[in-house]
């Protein structure tokens, strides 16, 4: 099943976080520099009595706060992922989030501008808050939409590259069949290819928003489901829930390490360590015969 795409994806993983952070840092930096230069040129062209450092402070303060808000937007889109079937239900949350996004942006950049102006021995006047905030919100809502769209497109492309799992569809022809409650195989689509993954090959599963990542031989394949939904479809003799976000294949468990907090740490045969909540310890003991504490 290994391919050049798999090799590239594996090589990408150690650099993934740096490239993601770099994308936002460089993108916002380029925007700040470009806007600062054009604003200074517009000021000179209009003959306004504004020092060159002021537009730089305006754009820099905005860029710094926007950059600081990126992790919040990423976390929000994980909590409220956008899909066609949930779009109408999620839109009110996104509308509220855009207002909160703008409030934080405006409050942060005004605070930074006030500090910068005081450092220069001057005073910064934002103007009437109601009017100016409405003006800033009209710009911020577009920035918010762009950020969300960028994140969702990136995740979509990443899933295509990584491979996305789904339950096998019923055949289009032939007599109707009863739905399989516990499927033996999952269909994985990856860059135009399709292949089957046996349920027994799943080493563990982790909740990730509206997806559950299925770990199979070192690969993560996202499946559109809740962790409770996939738990109901996996064989309870072979798989155990060990955490609100994790399910483990009991055949992969090498040892169980008790923790002082009452929780435990599950060590798998491939040296992976997974968390085990105290509420699942008794069930884990009954299934494995091992006392984690």
C-alpha atoms as a PDB file:
ATOM      1  CA  UNK A   1       0.000   0.000   0.000  1.00  0.00           C
ATOM      2  CA  UNK A   2       3.070   2.251   0.262  1.00  0.00           C
ATOM      3  CA  UNK A   3       3.492   4.742  -2.578  1.00  0.00           C
ATOM      4  CA  UNK A   4       5.353   7.927  -3.471  1.00  0.00           C
ATOM      5  CA  UNK A   5       2.364   9.850  -2.118  1.00  0.00           C
ATOM      6  CA  UNK A   6       2.645   8.020   1.202  1.00  0.00           C
ATOM      7  CA  UNK A   7       6.371   8.769   1.331  1.00  0.00           C
ATOM      8  CA  UNK A   8       5.808  12.454   0.639  1.00  0.00           C
ATOM      9  CA  UNK A   9       3.085  12.619   3.266  1.00  0.00           C
ATOM     10  CA  UNK A  10       5.362  11.045   5.861  1.00  0.00           C
ATOM     11  CA  UNK A  11       8.147  13.482   4.984  1.00  0.00           C
ATOM     12  CA  UNK A  12       5.681  16.343   5.248  1.00  0.00           C
ATOM     13  CA  UNK A  13       4.630  15.501   8.824  1.00  0.00           C
ATOM     14  CA  UNK A  14       7.785  16.699  10.675  1.00  0.00           C
ATOM     15  CA  UNK A  15       7.562  20.004   8.784  1.00  0.00           C
ATOM     16  CA  UNK A  16       3.800  20.342   8.927  1.00  0.00           C
ATOM     17  CA  UNK A  17       3.493  22.595  11.981  1.00  0.00           C
ATOM     18  CA  UNK A  18       6.367  24.843  10.863  1.00  0.00           C
ATOM     19  CA  UNK A  19       4.867  25.231   7.385  1.00  0.00           C
ATOM     20  CA  UNK A  20       1.406  25.947   8.791  1.00  0.00           C
ATOM     21  CA  UNK A  21       2.727  28.602  11.176  1.00  0.00           C
ATOM     22  CA  UNK A  22       4.986  29.995   8.464  1.00  0.00           C
ATOM     23  CA  UNK A  23       2.055  30.358   6.067  1.00  0.00           C
ATOM     24  CA  UNK A  24       0.161  32.626   8.471  1.00  0.00           C
ATOM     25  CA  UNK A  25       3.228  34.566   9.623  1.00  0.00           C
ATOM     26  CA  UNK A  26       4.498  35.250   6.092  1.00  0.00           C
ATOM     27  CA  UNK A  27       1.029  35.953   4.711  1.00  0.00           C
ATOM     28  CA  UNK A  28       0.182  38.501   7.393  1.00  0.00           C
ATOM     29  CA  UNK A  29       3.696  40.020   7.280  1.00  0.00           C
ATOM     30  CA  UNK A  30       3.483  40.554   3.525  1.00  0.00           C
ATOM     31  CA  UNK A  31       0.047  42.138   3.980  1.00  0.00           C
ATOM     32  CA  UNK A  32       1.337  44.452   6.740  1.00  0.00           C
ATOM     33  CA  UNK A  33       4.350  45.577   4.705  1.00  0.00           C
ATOM     34  CA  UNK A  34       2.328  46.097   1.539  1.00  0.00           C
ATOM     35  CA  UNK A  35      -0.458  48.023   3.292  1.00  0.00           C
ATOM     36  CA  UNK A  36       2.053  50.141   5.220  1.00  0.00           C
ATOM     37  CA  UNK A  37       3.873  51.186   2.037  1.00  0.00           C
ATOM     38  CA  UNK A  38       0.690  52.003   0.118  1.00  0.00           C
ATOM     39  CA  UNK A  39      -0.801  53.918   3.063  1.00  0.00           C
ATOM     40  CA  UNK A  40       2.358  56.016   3.466  1.00  0.00           C
ATOM     41  CA  UNK A  41       2.279  56.757  -0.280  1.00  0.00           C
ATOM     42  CA  UNK A  42      -1.403  57.766  -0.074  1.00  0.00           C
ATOM     43  CA  UNK A  43      -0.650  60.070   2.870  1.00  0.00           C
ATOM     44  CA  UNK A  44       2.154  61.786   0.943  1.00  0.00           C
ATOM     45  CA  UNK A  45      -0.003  62.067  -2.170  1.00  0.00           C
ATOM     46  CA  UNK A  46      -2.829  63.678  -0.178  1.00  0.00           C
ATOM     47  CA  UNK A  47      -0.453  66.021   1.620  1.00  0.00           C
ATOM     48  CA  UNK A  48      -1.678  64.985   5.069  1.00  0.00           C
ATOM     49  CA  UNK A  49       0.351  65.892   8.138  1.00  0.00           C
ATOM     50  CA  UNK A  50       0.841  62.331   9.338  1.00  0.00           C
ATOM     51  CA  UNK A  51       4.245  60.919  10.270  1.00  0.00           C
ATOM     52  CA  UNK A  52       5.442  57.909   8.286  1.00  0.00           C
ATOM     53  CA  UNK A  53       5.614  55.755  11.427  1.00  0.00           C
ATOM     54  CA  UNK A  54       1.886  56.102  12.093  1.00  0.00           C
ATOM     55  CA  UNK A  55       0.606  53.982   9.154  1.00  0.00           C
ATOM     56  CA  UNK A  56       3.250  51.407  10.047  1.00  0.00           C
ATOM     57  CA  UNK A  57       1.866  51.272  13.604  1.00  0.00           C
ATOM     58  CA  UNK A  58      -1.714  51.007  12.305  1.00  0.00           C
ATOM     59  CA  UNK A  59      -0.971  48.080  10.012  1.00  0.00           C
ATOM     60  CA  UNK A  60       1.471  46.337  12.377  1.00  0.00           C
ATOM     61  CA  UNK A  61      -0.915  46.450  15.339  1.00  0.00           C
ATOM     62  CA  UNK A  62      -3.687  44.993  13.213  1.00  0.00           C
ATOM     63  CA  UNK A  63      -1.437  42.257  11.826  1.00  0.00           C
ATOM     64  CA  UNK A  64      -0.099  41.244  15.239  1.00  0.00           C
ATOM     65  CA  UNK A  65      -3.605  40.792  16.653  1.00  0.00           C
ATOM     66  CA  UNK A  66      -4.835  38.936  13.557  1.00  0.00           C
ATOM     67  CA  UNK A  67      -1.899  36.561  13.853  1.00  0.00           C
ATOM     68  CA  UNK A  68      -2.646  36.002  17.549  1.00  0.00           C
ATOM     69  CA  UNK A  69      -6.277  35.162  16.656  1.00  0.00           C
ATOM     70  CA  UNK A  70      -5.374  32.418  14.160  1.00  0.00           C
ATOM     71  CA  UNK A  71      -5.190  29.622  16.810  1.00  0.00           C
ATOM     72  CA  UNK A  72      -8.629  30.674  18.091  1.00  0.00           C
ATOM     73  CA  UNK A  73     -10.106  30.489  14.577  1.00  0.00           C
ATOM     74  CA  UNK A  74      -8.506  27.066  14.020  1.00  0.00           C
ATOM     75  CA  UNK A  75      -9.915  25.796  17.338  1.00  0.00           C
ATOM     76  CA  UNK A  76     -13.352  27.234  16.556  1.00  0.00           C
ATOM     77  CA  UNK A  77     -13.538  25.565  13.146  1.00  0.00           C
ATOM     78  CA  UNK A  78     -12.602  22.253  14.768  1.00  0.00           C
ATOM     79  CA  UNK A  79     -15.402  22.670  17.307  1.00  0.00           C
ATOM     80  CA  UNK A  80     -17.922  23.798  14.672  1.00  0.00           C
ATOM     81  CA  UNK A  81     -16.770  22.256  11.384  1.00  0.00           C
ATOM     82  CA  UNK A  82     -18.572  23.333   8.231  1.00  0.00           C
ATOM     83  CA  UNK A  83     -20.302  20.722   6.056  1.00  0.00           C
ATOM     84  CA  UNK A  84     -23.131  21.049   3.571  1.00  0.00           C
ATOM     85  CA  UNK A  85     -25.483  19.025   5.762  1.00  0.00           C
ATOM     86  CA  UNK A  86     -24.791  21.148   8.868  1.00  0.00           C
ATOM     87  CA  UNK A  87     -24.262  24.528   7.218  1.00  0.00           C
ATOM     88  CA  UNK A  88     -27.552  26.127   8.254  1.00  0.00           C
ATOM     89  CA  UNK A  89     -27.172  24.927  11.830  1.00  0.00           C
ATOM     90  CA  UNK A  90     -23.623  26.243  12.111  1.00  0.00           C
ATOM     91  CA  UNK A  91     -24.088  29.639  10.460  1.00  0.00           C
ATOM     92  CA  UNK A  92     -25.471  31.398  13.594  1.00  0.00           C
ATOM     93  CA  UNK A  93     -22.385  30.276  15.512  1.00  0.00           C
ATOM     94  CA  UNK A  94     -20.140  31.621  12.777  1.00  0.00           C
ATOM     95  CA  UNK A  95     -21.989  34.939  12.792  1.00  0.00           C
ATOM     96  CA  UNK A  96     -21.447  35.265  16.551  1.00  0.00           C
ATOM     97  CA  UNK A  97     -17.829  34.195  16.126  1.00  0.00           C
ATOM     98  CA  UNK A  98     -17.247  36.895  13.499  1.00  0.00           C
ATOM     99  CA  UNK A  99     -18.481  39.555  15.944  1.00  0.00           C
ATOM    100  CA  UNK A 100     -16.256  38.199  18.730  1.00  0.00           C
ATOM    101  CA  UNK A 101     -13.351  38.007  16.267  1.00  0.00           C
ATOM    102  CA  UNK A 102     -13.804  41.667  15.335  1.00  0.00           C
ATOM    103  CA  UNK A 103     -14.186  42.790  18.963  1.00  0.00           C
ATOM    104  CA  UNK A 104     -10.936  41.089  19.936  1.00  0.00           C
ATOM    105  CA  UNK A 105      -9.169  42.424  16.864  1.00  0.00           C
ATOM    106  CA  UNK A 106     -10.290  46.007  17.416  1.00  0.00           C
ATOM    107  CA  UNK A 107      -9.636  45.976  21.169  1.00  0.00           C
ATOM    108  CA  UNK A 108      -6.186  44.468  20.692  1.00  0.00           C
ATOM    109  CA  UNK A 109      -5.034  46.747  17.908  1.00  0.00           C
ATOM    110  CA  UNK A 110      -6.312  49.890  19.669  1.00  0.00           C
ATOM    111  CA  UNK A 111      -4.421  48.891  22.831  1.00  0.00           C
ATOM    112  CA  UNK A 112      -1.215  48.350  20.833  1.00  0.00           C
ATOM    113  CA  UNK A 113      -1.633  51.641  18.997  1.00  0.00           C
ATOM    114  CA  UNK A 114      -2.137  53.532  22.250  1.00  0.00           C
ATOM    115  CA  UNK A 115       1.086  52.022  23.620  1.00  0.00           C
ATOM    116  CA  UNK A 116       3.014  52.860  20.430  1.00  0.00           C
ATOM    117  CA  UNK A 117       1.727  56.436  20.337  1.00  0.00           C
ATOM    118  CA  UNK A 118       2.612  56.989  23.995  1.00  0.00           C
ATOM    119  CA  UNK A 119       6.099  55.675  23.276  1.00  0.00           C
ATOM    120  CA  UNK A 120       6.346  58.381  20.599  1.00  0.00           C
ATOM    121  CA  UNK A 121       4.991  61.017  22.998  1.00  0.00           C
ATOM    122  CA  UNK A 122       1.635  61.293  21.253  1.00  0.00           C
ATOM    123  CA  UNK A 123      -1.990  60.269  21.836  1.00  0.00           C
ATOM    124  CA  UNK A 124      -3.989  57.860  19.686  1.00  0.00           C
ATOM    125  CA  UNK A 125      -7.649  58.684  19.023  1.00  0.00           C
ATOM    126  CA  UNK A 126      -9.683  55.771  17.675  1.00  0.00           C
ATOM    127  CA  UNK A 127     -12.797  57.915  17.264  1.00  0.00           C
ATOM    128  CA  UNK A 128     -16.427  57.122  18.186  1.00  0.00           C
ATOM    129  CA  UNK A 129     -16.474  53.436  19.081  1.00  0.00           C
ATOM    130  CA  UNK A 130     -19.875  52.577  17.600  1.00  0.00           C
ATOM    131  CA  UNK A 131     -19.094  54.078  14.203  1.00  0.00           C
ATOM    132  CA  UNK A 132     -15.493  52.896  14.039  1.00  0.00           C
ATOM    133  CA  UNK A 133     -16.279  49.386  15.228  1.00  0.00           C
ATOM    134  CA  UNK A 134     -18.946  48.998  12.534  1.00  0.00           C
ATOM    135  CA  UNK A 135     -16.397  50.148   9.971  1.00  0.00           C
ATOM    136  CA  UNK A 136     -13.794  47.695  11.280  1.00  0.00           C
ATOM    137  CA  UNK A 137     -16.328  44.853  11.457  1.00  0.00           C
ATOM    138  CA  UNK A 138     -17.120  45.231   7.756  1.00  0.00           C
ATOM    139  CA  UNK A 139     -13.435  44.572   7.082  1.00  0.00           C
ATOM    140  CA  UNK A 140     -12.972  41.958   9.796  1.00  0.00           C
ATOM    141  CA  UNK A 141     -15.885  39.786   8.676  1.00  0.00           C
ATOM    142  CA  UNK A 142     -14.216  39.427   5.262  1.00  0.00           C
ATOM    143  CA  UNK A 143     -10.919  38.549   6.920  1.00  0.00           C
ATOM    144  CA  UNK A 144     -12.714  36.028   9.136  1.00  0.00           C
ATOM    145  CA  UNK A 145     -14.435  34.402   6.146  1.00  0.00           C
ATOM    146  CA  UNK A 146     -11.123  34.247   4.281  1.00  0.00           C
ATOM    147  CA  UNK A 147      -9.378  32.652   7.272  1.00  0.00           C
ATOM    148  CA  UNK A 148     -12.135  30.041   7.726  1.00  0.00           C
ATOM    149  CA  UNK A 149     -12.183  29.257   4.005  1.00  0.00           C
ATOM    150  CA  UNK A 150      -8.402  28.885   3.937  1.00  0.00           C
ATOM    151  CA  UNK A 151      -8.454  26.517   6.911  1.00  0.00           C
ATOM    152  CA  UNK A 152     -11.286  24.386   5.512  1.00  0.00           C
ATOM    153  CA  UNK A 153      -9.731  24.131   2.030  1.00  0.00           C
ATOM    154  CA  UNK A 154      -6.399  23.151   3.569  1.00  0.00           C
ATOM    155  CA  UNK A 155      -8.062  20.463   5.681  1.00  0.00           C
ATOM    156  CA  UNK A 156      -9.963  19.158   2.644  1.00  0.00           C
ATOM    157  CA  UNK A 157      -6.778  18.892   0.578  1.00  0.00           C
ATOM    158  CA  UNK A 158      -4.969  17.287   3.508  1.00  0.00           C
ATOM    159  CA  UNK A 159      -7.702  14.666   3.864  1.00  0.00           C
ATOM    160  CA  UNK A 160      -7.516  13.903   0.141  1.00  0.00           C
ATOM    161  CA  UNK A 161      -3.763  13.455   0.412  1.00  0.00           C
ATOM    162  CA  UNK A 162      -3.975  11.541   3.667  1.00  0.00           C
ATOM    163  CA  UNK A 163      -6.891   9.364   2.583  1.00  0.00           C
ATOM    164  CA  UNK A 164     -10.459   9.606   3.869  1.00  0.00           C
ATOM    165  CA  UNK A 165     -12.363   6.580   5.147  1.00  0.00           C
ATOM    166  CA  UNK A 166     -16.053   5.851   4.795  1.00  0.00           C
ATOM    167  CA  UNK A 167     -18.453   3.006   5.414  1.00  0.00           C
ATOM    168  CA  UNK A 168     -19.024   0.779   2.409  1.00  0.00           C
ATOM    169  CA  UNK A 169     -22.119   1.787   0.475  1.00  0.00           C
ATOM    170  CA  UNK A 170     -24.846  -0.714  -0.268  1.00  0.00           C
ATOM    171  CA  UNK A 171     -24.762  -2.080  -3.844  1.00  0.00           C
ATOM    172  CA  UNK A 172     -26.797  -0.199  -6.433  1.00  0.00           C
ATOM    173  CA  UNK A 173     -28.202  -3.423  -7.921  1.00  0.00           C
ATOM    174  CA  UNK A 174     -29.500  -6.674  -6.528  1.00  0.00           C
ATOM    175  CA  UNK A 175     -31.855  -7.460  -3.652  1.00  0.00           C
ATOM    176  CA  UNK A 176     -31.905  -5.006  -0.733  1.00  0.00           C
ATOM    177  CA  UNK A 177     -29.569  -5.912   2.090  1.00  0.00           C
ATOM    178  CA  UNK A 178     -29.758  -5.167   5.783  1.00  0.00           C
ATOM    179  CA  UNK A 179     -27.251  -2.481   6.817  1.00  0.00           C
ATOM    180  CA  UNK A 180     -24.127  -3.902   8.400  1.00  0.00           C
ATOM    181  CA  UNK A 181     -24.057  -2.851  12.050  1.00  0.00           C
ATOM    182  CA  UNK A 182     -20.410  -3.816  12.506  1.00  0.00           C
ATOM    183  CA  UNK A 183     -18.617  -3.499   9.177  1.00  0.00           C
ATOM    184  CA  UNK A 184     -15.635  -5.744   8.589  1.00  0.00           C
ATOM    185  CA  UNK A 185     -14.049  -3.291   6.172  1.00  0.00           C
ATOM    186  CA  UNK A 186     -13.902   0.435   5.467  1.00  0.00           C
ATOM    187  CA  UNK A 187     -13.451   2.114   2.093  1.00  0.00           C
ATOM    188  CA  UNK A 188     -10.554   4.581   1.855  1.00  0.00           C
ATOM    189  CA  UNK A 189     -10.400   7.138  -0.955  1.00  0.00           C
ATOM    190  CA  UNK A 190      -6.982   8.667  -1.505  1.00  0.00           C
ATOM    191  CA  UNK A 191      -5.993  10.906  -4.415  1.00  0.00           C
ATOM    192  CA  UNK A 192      -8.363   9.224  -6.829  1.00  0.00           C
ATOM    193  CA  UNK A 193      -7.588   5.681  -5.634  1.00  0.00           C
ATOM    194  CA  UNK A 194      -9.787   3.441  -3.531  1.00  0.00           C
ATOM    195  CA  UNK A 195      -8.828   0.546  -1.300  1.00  0.00           C
ATOM    196  CA  UNK A 196     -10.300  -1.412   1.581  1.00  0.00           C
ATOM    197  CA  UNK A 197      -9.133  -1.414   5.185  1.00  0.00           C
ATOM    198  CA  UNK A 198     -10.114  -4.260   7.478  1.00  0.00           C
ATOM    199  CA  UNK A 199     -11.732  -3.164  10.735  1.00  0.00           C
ATOM    200  CA  UNK A 200      -9.421  -5.553  12.588  1.00  0.00           C
ATOM    201  CA  UNK A 201      -6.405  -3.591  11.234  1.00  0.00           C
ATOM    202  CA  UNK A 202      -7.473  -0.434  13.055  1.00  0.00           C
ATOM    203  CA  UNK A 203      -4.968   0.082  15.862  1.00  0.00           C
ATOM    204  CA  UNK A 204      -6.753   2.944  17.553  1.00  0.00           C
ATOM    205  CA  UNK A 205      -9.176   5.756  16.811  1.00  0.00           C
ATOM    206  CA  UNK A 206      -9.179   9.375  17.943  1.00  0.00           C
ATOM    207  CA  UNK A 207     -11.992  11.923  17.826  1.00  0.00           C
ATOM    208  CA  UNK A 208     -11.223  15.079  15.819  1.00  0.00           C
ATOM    209  CA  UNK A 209     -14.238  17.376  15.556  1.00  0.00           C
ATOM    210  CA  UNK A 210     -16.825  15.800  13.263  1.00  0.00           C
ATOM    211  CA  UNK A 211     -14.251  13.200  12.230  1.00  0.00           C
ATOM    212  CA  UNK A 212     -12.636  10.192  13.843  1.00  0.00           C
ATOM    213  CA  UNK A 213      -9.073   9.433  12.766  1.00  0.00           C
ATOM    214  CA  UNK A 214      -8.578   5.703  12.227  1.00  0.00           C
ATOM    215  CA  UNK A 215      -4.943   4.670  12.760  1.00  0.00           C
ATOM    216  CA  UNK A 216      -4.010   1.828  10.411  1.00  0.00           C
ATOM    217  CA  UNK A 217      -0.369   0.704  10.046  1.00  0.00           C
ATOM    218  CA  UNK A 218       1.006   4.144  10.825  1.00  0.00           C
ATOM    219  CA  UNK A 219      -1.542   6.047   8.699  1.00  0.00           C
ATOM    220  CA  UNK A 220      -4.440   8.174   9.931  1.00  0.00           C
ATOM    221  CA  UNK A 221      -7.620   7.969   7.872  1.00  0.00           C
ATOM    222  CA  UNK A 222     -10.363  10.447   8.902  1.00  0.00           C
ATOM    223  CA  UNK A 223     -13.889   9.014   8.984  1.00  0.00           C
ATOM    224  CA  UNK A 224     -16.924  11.299   9.168  1.00  0.00           C
ATOM    225  CA  UNK A 225     -18.417  10.123  12.454  1.00  0.00           C
ATOM    226  CA  UNK A 226     -18.517  10.757  16.173  1.00  0.00           C
ATOM    227  CA  UNK A 227     -16.390   8.672  18.514  1.00  0.00           C
ATOM    228  CA  UNK A 228     -19.582   7.181  19.985  1.00  0.00           C
ATOM    229  CA  UNK A 229     -20.833   6.345  16.502  1.00  0.00           C
ATOM    230  CA  UNK A 230     -17.674   4.475  15.510  1.00  0.00           C
ATOM    231  CA  UNK A 231     -17.566   2.749  18.905  1.00  0.00           C
ATOM    232  CA  UNK A 232     -21.012   1.295  18.216  1.00  0.00           C
ATOM    233  CA  UNK A 233     -19.803  -0.092  14.870  1.00  0.00           C
ATOM    234  CA  UNK A 234     -16.589  -1.734  16.096  1.00  0.00           C
ATOM    235  CA  UNK A 235     -16.477  -5.193  17.673  1.00  0.00           C
ATOM    236  CA  UNK A 236     -16.651  -4.686  21.483  1.00  0.00           C
ATOM    237  CA  UNK A 237     -14.666  -7.889  21.986  1.00  0.00           C
ATOM    238  CA  UNK A 238     -11.720  -6.456  20.058  1.00  0.00           C
ATOM    239  CA  UNK A 239     -12.066  -2.701  20.711  1.00  0.00           C
ATOM    240  CA  UNK A 240     -12.429  -0.746  23.956  1.00  0.00           C
ATOM    241  CA  UNK A 241     -13.244   2.859  24.731  1.00  0.00           C
ATOM    242  CA  UNK A 242     -10.465   4.212  26.957  1.00  0.00           C
ATOM    243  CA  UNK A 243     -11.109   7.945  26.844  1.00  0.00           C
ATOM    244  CA  UNK A 244     -13.792  10.341  25.651  1.00  0.00           C
ATOM    245  CA  UNK A 245     -11.656  10.827  22.522  1.00  0.00           C
ATOM    246  CA  UNK A 246      -9.970   7.418  22.104  1.00  0.00           C
ATOM    247  CA  UNK A 247     -10.788   3.808  21.246  1.00  0.00           C
ATOM    248  CA  UNK A 248      -8.071   1.171  21.199  1.00  0.00           C
ATOM    249  CA  UNK A 249      -7.669  -2.241  19.593  1.00  0.00           C
ATOM    250  CA  UNK A 250      -6.994  -4.513  22.571  1.00  0.00           C
ATOM    251  CA  UNK A 251      -4.700  -6.686  20.475  1.00  0.00           C
ATOM    252  CA  UNK A 252      -2.352  -3.690  20.203  1.00  0.00           C
ATOM    253  CA  UNK A 253      -2.057  -3.063  23.957  1.00  0.00           C
ATOM    254  CA  UNK A 254       1.404  -3.882  25.332  1.00  0.00           C
ATOM    255  CA  UNK A 255       1.078  -2.517  28.872  1.00  0.00           C
ATOM    256  CA  UNK A 256      -0.988  -0.254  31.098  1.00  0.00           C
ATOM    257  CA  UNK A 257       0.715   2.349  33.261  1.00  0.00           C
ATOM    258  CA  UNK A 258      -1.278   3.691  36.249  1.00  0.00           C
ATOM    259  CA  UNK A 259      -0.991   7.396  37.002  1.00  0.00           C
ATOM    260  CA  UNK A 260      -1.215   9.242  40.306  1.00  0.00           C
ATOM    261  CA  UNK A 261      -4.295  11.116  39.064  1.00  0.00           C
ATOM    262  CA  UNK A 262      -6.281   7.884  38.914  1.00  0.00           C
ATOM    263  CA  UNK A 263      -6.071   7.771  35.144  1.00  0.00           C
ATOM    264  CA  UNK A 264      -3.778   5.466  33.193  1.00  0.00           C
ATOM    265  CA  UNK A 265      -1.537   5.488  30.148  1.00  0.00           C
ATOM    266  CA  UNK A 266      -1.906   2.756  27.527  1.00  0.00           C
ATOM    267  CA  UNK A 267       1.327   1.684  25.822  1.00  0.00           C
ATOM    268  CA  UNK A 268       0.854   0.019  22.449  1.00  0.00           C
ATOM    269  CA  UNK A 269       3.123  -2.436  20.676  1.00  0.00           C
ATOM    270  CA  UNK A 270       4.398   0.287  18.326  1.00  0.00           C
ATOM    271  CA  UNK A 271       5.439   2.437  21.355  1.00  0.00           C
ATOM    272  CA  UNK A 272       2.445   4.775  20.988  1.00  0.00           C
ATOM    273  CA  UNK A 273       1.039   6.013  24.307  1.00  0.00           C
ATOM    274  CA  UNK A 274      -2.676   6.771  24.649  1.00  0.00           C
ATOM    275  CA  UNK A 275      -4.565   8.298  27.597  1.00  0.00           C
ATOM    276  CA  UNK A 276      -7.023   6.208  29.601  1.00  0.00           C
ATOM    277  CA  UNK A 277      -9.584   7.979  31.781  1.00  0.00           C
ATOM    278  CA  UNK A 278     -10.409   6.607  35.203  1.00  0.00           C
ATOM    279  CA  UNK A 279     -14.048   6.063  34.187  1.00  0.00           C
ATOM    280  CA  UNK A 280     -12.907   3.467  31.621  1.00  0.00           C
ATOM    281  CA  UNK A 281     -10.333   1.693  33.773  1.00  0.00           C
ATOM    282  CA  UNK A 282     -12.748  -0.885  35.195  1.00  0.00           C
ATOM    283  CA  UNK A 283     -14.044  -1.768  31.743  1.00  0.00           C
ATOM    284  CA  UNK A 284     -10.486  -2.034  30.440  1.00  0.00           C
ATOM    285  CA  UNK A 285      -9.569  -4.369  33.273  1.00  0.00           C
ATOM    286  CA  UNK A 286     -12.563  -6.620  32.604  1.00  0.00           C
ATOM    287  CA  UNK A 287     -11.696  -6.878  28.917  1.00  0.00           C
ATOM    288  CA  UNK A 288      -7.953  -7.411  29.240  1.00  0.00           C
ATOM    289  CA  UNK A 289      -7.674  -9.099  32.623  1.00  0.00           C
ATOM    290  CA  UNK A 290      -4.963  -6.570  33.475  1.00  0.00           C
ATOM    291  CA  UNK A 291      -5.305  -4.359  36.523  1.00  0.00           C
ATOM    292  CA  UNK A 292      -4.058  -0.878  35.561  1.00  0.00           C
ATOM    293  CA  UNK A 293      -3.876   0.247  39.143  1.00  0.00           C
END
